Amino acid sequence: MLSEVPKHDKLLTTLQSLLQLPATDVAETFQQTAQLVTQALDAEKVDVFLYDPSTESLIAYGTSVTPLGKKEKAIGLDCLPLASGGAGGRGLPNRPNLLDRTSTA
């Protein structure tokens, strides 16, 4: 049986790796951050977004190198414009609640 690294050890190793990333190139650092977090959490995709006030959008400066991450970029979902005022004026994307569109009749 293959021995797996305990989850807390994997997360600690990831944190140590994140702390060692260079801060000289934001895009490259965020790209590496997304990839490290993807691997640590066994996630399908991770994005690191920053708010761009000039376009009032969230821009994915780091996207994990996964099939879903590549598809996201290909179809333009790496730039998310915020609705006017966002969710409650907090600057969050205004997404309709799926339950609001579900018929209960």
N, C-alpha and C. Protein backbone atom coordinates (compact mmCIF):
# COMPACT_ATOMS: atom_id res chain seq x y z
N MET A 1 0.84 -1.18 0.00
CA MET A 1 0.00 0.00 0.00
C MET A 1 0.89 1.25 0.00
N LEU A 2 0.56 2.20 -0.87
CA LEU A 2 1.33 3.43 -0.94
C LEU A 2 1.00 4.31 0.26
N SER A 3 2.03 4.85 0.86
CA SER A 3 1.78 5.73 2.01
C SER A 3 1.49 7.14 1.50
N GLU A 4 0.43 7.72 1.99
CA GLU A 4 0.07 9.08 1.61
C GLU A 4 0.52 10.05 2.70
N VAL A 5 0.87 11.23 2.27
CA VAL A 5 1.25 12.28 3.22
C VAL A 5 -0.02 12.73 3.92
N PRO A 6 -0.01 12.78 5.27
CA PRO A 6 -1.19 13.26 5.97
C PRO A 6 -1.59 14.66 5.49
N LYS A 7 -2.90 14.92 5.49
CA LYS A 7 -3.44 16.18 4.96
C LYS A 7 -2.78 17.40 5.60
N HIS A 8 -2.60 17.40 6.93
CA HIS A 8 -2.02 18.58 7.58
C HIS A 8 -0.56 18.78 7.15
N ASP A 9 0.17 17.69 6.89
CA ASP A 9 1.55 17.82 6.40
C ASP A 9 1.56 18.41 5.00
N LYS A 10 0.62 17.98 4.18
CA LYS A 10 0.53 18.48 2.81
C LYS A 10 0.21 19.98 2.81
N LEU A 11 -0.71 20.38 3.70
CA LEU A 11 -1.07 21.80 3.78
C LEU A 11 0.08 22.64 4.33
N LEU A 12 0.81 22.11 5.31
CA LEU A 12 1.95 22.83 5.87
C LEU A 12 3.04 23.00 4.81
N THR A 13 3.30 21.95 4.06
CA THR A 13 4.29 22.02 2.99
C THR A 13 3.88 23.05 1.94
N THR A 14 2.59 23.09 1.63
CA THR A 14 2.08 24.07 0.67
C THR A 14 2.27 25.48 1.20
N LEU A 15 1.94 25.70 2.45
CA LEU A 15 2.12 27.02 3.06
C LEU A 15 3.58 27.44 3.01
N GLN A 16 4.48 26.53 3.34
CA GLN A 16 5.91 26.84 3.29
C GLN A 16 6.34 27.19 1.87
N SER A 17 5.81 26.48 0.89
CA SER A 17 6.13 26.76 -0.52
C SER A 17 5.59 28.12 -0.94
N LEU A 18 4.38 28.45 -0.48
CA LEU A 18 3.78 29.75 -0.80
C LEU A 18 4.63 30.89 -0.24
N LEU A 19 5.13 30.70 0.97
CA LEU A 19 5.95 31.75 1.60
C LEU A 19 7.29 31.95 0.91
N GLN A 20 7.73 30.97 0.15
CA GLN A 20 9.01 31.07 -0.55
C GLN A 20 8.88 31.62 -1.97
N LEU A 21 7.66 31.85 -2.43
CA LEU A 21 7.49 32.37 -3.79
C LEU A 21 8.03 33.79 -3.89
N PRO A 22 8.65 34.11 -5.01
CA PRO A 22 9.18 35.47 -5.19
C PRO A 22 8.03 36.46 -5.36
N ALA A 23 8.22 37.65 -4.83
CA ALA A 23 7.19 38.68 -4.94
C ALA A 23 7.53 39.72 -6.00
N THR A 24 8.43 39.38 -6.90
CA THR A 24 8.87 40.36 -7.90
C THR A 24 7.98 40.37 -9.14
N ASP A 25 7.32 39.27 -9.44
CA ASP A 25 6.45 39.18 -10.61
C ASP A 25 5.09 38.70 -10.15
N VAL A 26 4.14 39.62 -10.06
CA VAL A 26 2.82 39.31 -9.51
C VAL A 26 2.13 38.20 -10.28
N ALA A 27 2.11 38.30 -11.60
CA ALA A 27 1.40 37.30 -12.41
C ALA A 27 2.00 35.91 -12.22
N GLU A 28 3.31 35.80 -12.25
CA GLU A 28 3.97 34.50 -12.08
C GLU A 28 3.76 33.96 -10.66
N THR A 29 3.84 34.82 -9.67
CA THR A 29 3.62 34.39 -8.29
C THR A 29 2.19 33.89 -8.09
N PHE A 30 1.22 34.60 -8.65
CA PHE A 30 -0.17 34.17 -8.52
C PHE A 30 -0.43 32.89 -9.30
N GLN A 31 0.24 32.73 -10.43
CA GLN A 31 0.10 31.49 -11.20
C GLN A 31 0.61 30.30 -10.38
N GLN A 32 1.78 30.47 -9.78
CA GLN A 32 2.35 29.41 -8.94
C GLN A 32 1.48 29.17 -7.71
N THR A 33 0.92 30.23 -7.14
CA THR A 33 0.03 30.10 -5.99
C THR A 33 -1.18 29.25 -6.34
N ALA A 34 -1.81 29.56 -7.46
CA ALA A 34 -2.98 28.79 -7.89
C ALA A 34 -2.64 27.32 -8.09
N GLN A 35 -1.49 27.06 -8.68
CA GLN A 35 -1.09 25.67 -8.93
C GLN A 35 -0.81 24.93 -7.62
N LEU A 36 -0.12 25.57 -6.69
CA LEU A 36 0.18 24.93 -5.41
C LEU A 36 -1.10 24.62 -4.63
N VAL A 37 -2.03 25.56 -4.61
CA VAL A 37 -3.29 25.36 -3.88
C VAL A 37 -4.12 24.27 -4.56
N THR A 38 -4.11 24.24 -5.89
CA THR A 38 -4.82 23.18 -6.62
C THR A 38 -4.32 21.81 -6.21
N GLN A 39 -3.01 21.67 -6.16
CA GLN A 39 -2.42 20.38 -5.79
C GLN A 39 -2.68 20.03 -4.33
N ALA A 40 -2.58 21.02 -3.45
CA ALA A 40 -2.77 20.76 -2.02
C ALA A 40 -4.20 20.34 -1.70
N LEU A 41 -5.16 20.92 -2.41
CA LEU A 41 -6.57 20.63 -2.12
C LEU A 41 -7.18 19.61 -3.07
N ASP A 42 -6.36 19.09 -3.99
CA ASP A 42 -6.86 18.19 -5.02
C ASP A 42 -8.06 18.81 -5.72
N ALA A 43 -7.93 20.09 -6.04
CA ALA A 43 -9.03 20.84 -6.65
C ALA A 43 -8.99 20.70 -8.16
N GLU A 44 -10.14 20.91 -8.77
CA GLU A 44 -10.23 20.87 -10.22
C GLU A 44 -9.66 22.15 -10.84
N LYS A 45 -9.79 23.26 -10.09
CA LYS A 45 -9.29 24.54 -10.59
C LYS A 45 -9.24 25.53 -9.44
N VAL A 46 -8.24 26.41 -9.48
CA VAL A 46 -8.12 27.49 -8.50
C VAL A 46 -7.77 28.77 -9.26
N ASP A 47 -8.39 29.87 -8.85
CA ASP A 47 -8.09 31.18 -9.42
C ASP A 47 -7.66 32.12 -8.31
N VAL A 48 -6.74 33.02 -8.65
CA VAL A 48 -6.37 34.12 -7.77
C VAL A 48 -6.81 35.39 -8.49
N PHE A 49 -7.86 36.02 -7.96
CA PHE A 49 -8.42 37.21 -8.59
C PHE A 49 -7.96 38.48 -7.89
N LEU A 50 -7.80 39.53 -8.67
CA LEU A 50 -7.57 40.87 -8.14
C LEU A 50 -8.61 41.79 -8.77
N TYR A 51 -9.04 42.77 -7.99
CA TYR A 51 -9.99 43.75 -8.49
C TYR A 51 -9.28 44.80 -9.32
N ASP A 52 -9.81 45.08 -10.51
CA ASP A 52 -9.29 46.12 -11.39
C ASP A 52 -10.29 47.26 -11.41
N PRO A 53 -9.99 48.35 -10.69
CA PRO A 53 -10.96 49.44 -10.61
C PRO A 53 -11.20 50.14 -11.95
N SER A 54 -10.25 50.10 -12.86
CA SER A 54 -10.43 50.78 -14.14
C SER A 54 -11.50 50.11 -14.99
N THR A 55 -11.70 48.81 -14.82
CA THR A 55 -12.72 48.08 -15.57
C THR A 55 -13.84 47.57 -14.67
N GLU A 56 -13.72 47.83 -13.36
CA GLU A 56 -14.67 47.32 -12.36
C GLU A 56 -14.89 45.82 -12.57
N SER A 57 -13.78 45.09 -12.66
CA SER A 57 -13.81 43.65 -12.90
C SER A 57 -12.86 42.93 -11.96
N LEU A 58 -13.12 41.66 -11.77
CA LEU A 58 -12.17 40.77 -11.11
C LEU A 58 -11.38 40.09 -12.21
N ILE A 59 -10.06 40.17 -12.12
CA ILE A 59 -9.18 39.59 -13.14
C ILE A 59 -8.41 38.44 -12.51
N ALA A 60 -8.45 37.28 -13.16
CA ALA A 60 -7.71 36.11 -12.68
C ALA A 60 -6.25 36.28 -13.09
N TYR A 61 -5.43 36.69 -12.15
CA TYR A 61 -4.00 36.84 -12.42
C TYR A 61 -3.27 35.52 -12.25
N GLY A 62 -3.92 34.59 -11.60
CA GLY A 62 -3.36 33.26 -11.45
C GLY A 62 -4.46 32.24 -11.62
N THR A 63 -4.28 31.33 -12.55
CA THR A 63 -5.25 30.25 -12.79
C THR A 63 -4.47 28.96 -12.86
N SER A 64 -4.97 27.95 -12.17
CA SER A 64 -4.26 26.67 -12.17
C SER A 64 -4.19 26.10 -13.58
N VAL A 65 -3.09 25.40 -13.84
CA VAL A 65 -2.87 24.79 -15.14
C VAL A 65 -3.57 23.42 -15.13
N THR A 66 -4.85 23.46 -15.42
CA THR A 66 -5.69 22.27 -15.47
C THR A 66 -6.58 22.39 -16.71
N PRO A 67 -7.20 21.31 -17.13
CA PRO A 67 -8.11 21.42 -18.28
C PRO A 67 -9.21 22.47 -18.07
N LEU A 68 -9.77 22.52 -16.87
CA LEU A 68 -10.81 23.51 -16.61
C LEU A 68 -10.26 24.93 -16.59
N GLY A 69 -9.05 25.10 -16.06
CA GLY A 69 -8.41 26.41 -16.05
C GLY A 69 -8.13 26.91 -17.46
N LYS A 70 -7.70 26.00 -18.34
CA LYS A 70 -7.45 26.37 -19.73
C LYS A 70 -8.75 26.73 -20.44
N LYS A 71 -9.81 25.99 -20.15
CA LYS A 71 -11.10 26.28 -20.77
C LYS A 71 -11.63 27.64 -20.30
N GLU A 72 -11.45 27.93 -19.02
CA GLU A 72 -11.88 29.21 -18.47
C GLU A 72 -11.26 30.37 -19.24
N LYS A 73 -9.97 30.29 -19.46
CA LYS A 73 -9.27 31.36 -20.20
C LYS A 73 -9.73 31.42 -21.65
N ALA A 74 -9.93 30.25 -22.26
CA ALA A 74 -10.31 30.20 -23.67
C ALA A 74 -11.67 30.86 -23.92
N ILE A 75 -12.57 30.75 -22.96
CA ILE A 75 -13.91 31.34 -23.16
C ILE A 75 -14.08 32.69 -22.46
N GLY A 76 -13.00 33.20 -21.89
CA GLY A 76 -13.02 34.55 -21.34
C GLY A 76 -13.57 34.70 -19.94
N LEU A 77 -13.64 33.61 -19.18
CA LEU A 77 -14.15 33.71 -17.81
C LEU A 77 -13.07 34.08 -16.80
N ASP A 78 -11.90 34.47 -17.29
CA ASP A 78 -10.84 34.90 -16.39
C ASP A 78 -10.95 36.40 -16.10
N CYS A 79 -11.97 37.04 -16.63
CA CYS A 79 -12.26 38.44 -16.36
C CYS A 79 -13.75 38.54 -16.06
N LEU A 80 -14.08 38.86 -14.80
CA LEU A 80 -15.48 38.89 -14.37
C LEU A 80 -15.90 40.32 -14.06
N PRO A 81 -16.69 40.95 -14.93
CA PRO A 81 -17.17 42.29 -14.63
C PRO A 81 -18.14 42.24 -13.46
N LEU A 82 -18.02 43.22 -12.59
CA LEU A 82 -18.91 43.29 -11.44
C LEU A 82 -20.16 44.06 -11.83
N ALA A 83 -21.28 43.63 -11.29
CA ALA A 83 -22.53 44.35 -11.53
C ALA A 83 -22.44 45.69 -10.81
N SER A 84 -23.20 46.63 -11.25
CA SER A 84 -23.21 47.96 -10.63
C SER A 84 -23.50 47.83 -9.14
N GLY A 85 -22.52 48.15 -8.34
CA GLY A 85 -22.67 48.05 -6.89
C GLY A 85 -22.41 46.67 -6.34
N GLY A 86 -22.37 45.67 -7.19
CA GLY A 86 -22.11 44.32 -6.73
C GLY A 86 -23.23 43.80 -5.84
N ALA A 87 -22.95 42.80 -5.09
CA ALA A 87 -23.93 42.19 -4.20
C ALA A 87 -24.04 43.04 -2.94
N GLY A 88 -25.09 43.79 -2.84
CA GLY A 88 -25.28 44.63 -1.67
C GLY A 88 -24.26 45.74 -1.58
N GLY A 89 -23.67 46.14 -2.70
CA GLY A 89 -22.69 47.22 -2.70
C GLY A 89 -21.35 46.83 -2.12
N ARG A 90 -21.11 45.54 -1.93
CA ARG A 90 -19.85 45.08 -1.33
C ARG A 90 -18.79 44.79 -2.37
N GLY A 91 -19.08 45.06 -3.65
CA GLY A 91 -18.10 44.81 -4.69
C GLY A 91 -17.99 43.35 -5.08
N LEU A 92 -19.01 42.55 -4.77
CA LEU A 92 -19.01 41.15 -5.14
C LEU A 92 -19.85 40.96 -6.39
N PRO A 93 -19.55 39.96 -7.22
CA PRO A 93 -20.37 39.74 -8.40
C PRO A 93 -21.83 39.52 -8.01
N ASN A 94 -22.72 40.11 -8.76
CA ASN A 94 -24.14 39.97 -8.50
C ASN A 94 -24.66 38.79 -9.29
N ARG A 95 -24.75 37.64 -8.65
CA ARG A 95 -25.19 36.41 -9.29
C ARG A 95 -26.60 36.09 -8.80
N PRO A 96 -27.54 35.80 -9.71
CA PRO A 96 -28.89 35.44 -9.27
C PRO A 96 -28.86 34.12 -8.51
N ASN A 97 -29.70 34.03 -7.51
CA ASN A 97 -29.79 32.83 -6.71
C ASN A 97 -30.49 31.75 -7.54
N LEU A 98 -29.89 30.57 -7.64
CA LEU A 98 -30.49 29.50 -8.42
C LEU A 98 -31.86 29.12 -7.88
N LEU A 99 -32.06 29.26 -6.58
CA LEU A 99 -33.35 28.90 -6.01
C LEU A 99 -34.45 29.84 -6.51
N ASP A 100 -34.10 31.08 -6.84
CA ASP A 100 -35.09 32.02 -7.36
C ASP A 100 -35.63 31.59 -8.71
N ARG A 101 -34.86 30.79 -9.45
CA ARG A 101 -35.27 30.35 -10.78
C ARG A 101 -35.89 28.97 -10.78
N THR A 102 -35.98 28.36 -9.61
CA THR A 102 -36.51 27.01 -9.51
C THR A 102 -37.99 27.07 -9.16
N SER A 103 -38.80 26.46 -9.99
CA SER A 103 -40.23 26.43 -9.74
C SER A 103 -40.54 25.39 -8.66
N THR A 104 -41.35 25.78 -7.69
CA THR A 104 -41.74 24.85 -6.63
C THR A 104 -43.15 24.33 -6.85
N ALA A 105 -43.80 24.78 -7.91
CA ALA A 105 -45.18 24.35 -8.18
C ALA A 105 -45.22 23.01 -8.86
